[in-house]
Amino acid sequence: NLSIKQMFLLEKSFQGGSVVAYVGFVLMTIVFILNLAAVVILIQQLFMTYRLLTAGPTGFEIAKSYYLNPNIVTMRNAAVKGF
């Protein structure tokens, strides 16, 4: 919440400010979006893994194949690197 508040405070006080202030604002915005995407990806994968684990007698094998799927691994690694 503090980062969003700081972004909007900077935006209001940015009346023809310096280039450094603008670059800082853009970098803060990029970091906020990357953090939000990382949280969404990681929470969604945890939810799906636990949902598949409770799918029945073969739930563990299904969850294992989902968790180790190359597409899911790539998404998870990108989210962690972006975080």
Protein backbone atom coordinates (compact mmCIF):
# COMPACT_ATOMS: atom_id res chain seq x y z
CA ASN A 1 0.00 0.00 0.00
CA LEU A 2 2.85 2.35 0.80
CA SER A 3 4.39 1.94 -2.65
CA ILE A 4 1.10 2.80 -4.37
CA LYS A 5 0.66 5.83 -2.10
CA GLN A 6 4.18 7.02 -2.89
CA MET A 7 3.60 6.58 -6.64
CA PHE A 8 0.49 8.72 -6.58
CA LEU A 9 2.09 11.36 -4.34
CA LEU A 10 4.98 11.62 -6.78
CA GLU A 11 2.59 11.84 -9.69
CA LYS A 12 0.67 14.76 -8.11
CA SER A 13 3.82 16.68 -7.24
CA PHE A 14 5.40 16.06 -10.64
CA GLN A 15 4.73 19.46 -12.23
CA GLY A 16 7.56 19.62 -14.77
CA GLY A 17 10.00 17.92 -12.40
CA SER A 18 13.40 16.57 -13.21
CA VAL A 19 14.21 13.60 -15.36
CA VAL A 20 15.46 11.74 -12.29
CA ALA A 21 12.03 12.01 -10.64
CA TYR A 22 10.35 10.71 -13.80
CA VAL A 23 12.77 7.78 -14.12
CA GLY A 24 12.22 6.97 -10.44
CA PHE A 25 8.46 6.99 -10.95
CA VAL A 26 8.71 4.69 -13.97
CA LEU A 27 11.01 2.28 -12.09
CA MET A 28 8.69 2.21 -9.07
CA THR A 29 5.77 1.44 -11.35
CA ILE A 30 7.65 -1.39 -13.08
CA VAL A 31 8.68 -2.91 -9.74
CA PHE A 32 5.10 -2.71 -8.47
CA ILE A 33 3.74 -4.49 -11.57
CA LEU A 34 6.42 -7.20 -11.41
CA ASN A 35 5.73 -7.81 -7.72
CA LEU A 36 1.99 -8.00 -8.35
CA ALA A 37 2.50 -10.46 -11.22
CA ALA A 38 4.84 -12.60 -9.11
CA VAL A 39 2.34 -12.83 -6.28
CA VAL A 40 -0.50 -13.74 -8.64
CA ILE A 41 1.53 -16.45 -10.42
CA LEU A 42 2.88 -18.03 -7.24
CA ILE A 43 -0.47 -18.03 -5.41
CA GLN A 44 -2.28 -19.45 -8.43
CA GLN A 45 0.25 -22.27 -8.79
CA LEU A 46 0.09 -23.11 -5.08
CA PHE A 47 -3.71 -23.16 -5.24
CA MET A 48 -3.74 -25.43 -8.28
CA THR A 49 -1.14 -27.79 -6.79
CA TYR A 50 -3.09 -28.23 -3.54
CA ARG A 51 -6.34 -28.58 -5.45
CA LEU A 52 -4.84 -31.35 -7.57
CA LEU A 53 -3.36 -33.04 -4.48
CA THR A 54 -6.84 -33.50 -3.09
CA ALA A 55 -8.29 -34.78 -6.37
CA GLY A 56 -8.41 -38.40 -5.26
CA PRO A 57 -6.16 -41.43 -5.16
CA THR A 58 -3.99 -40.22 -8.05
CA GLY A 59 -3.90 -36.61 -6.89
CA PHE A 60 -0.23 -36.66 -5.94
CA GLU A 61 0.87 -37.90 -9.37
CA ILE A 62 -1.32 -35.33 -11.12
CA ALA A 63 -0.01 -32.52 -8.91
CA LYS A 64 3.57 -33.67 -9.48
CA SER A 65 3.16 -33.64 -13.26
CA TYR A 66 1.52 -30.20 -13.09
CA TYR A 67 4.24 -28.76 -10.82
CA LEU A 68 7.05 -30.12 -13.03
CA ASN A 69 5.44 -29.13 -16.34
CA PRO A 70 8.02 -27.06 -18.32
CA ASN A 71 5.54 -24.21 -18.90
CA ILE A 72 4.68 -23.99 -15.20
CA VAL A 73 8.34 -24.19 -14.18
CA THR A 74 9.20 -21.37 -16.60
CA MET A 75 6.38 -19.19 -15.27
CA ARG A 76 7.38 -19.87 -11.66
CA ASN A 77 11.07 -19.12 -12.32
CA ALA A 78 10.22 -15.90 -14.16
CA ALA A 79 7.97 -14.80 -11.29
CA VAL A 80 10.64 -15.47 -8.69
CA LYS A 81 13.32 -13.68 -10.73
CA GLY A 82 11.00 -10.71 -11.24
CA PHE A 83 10.21 -10.57 -7.55
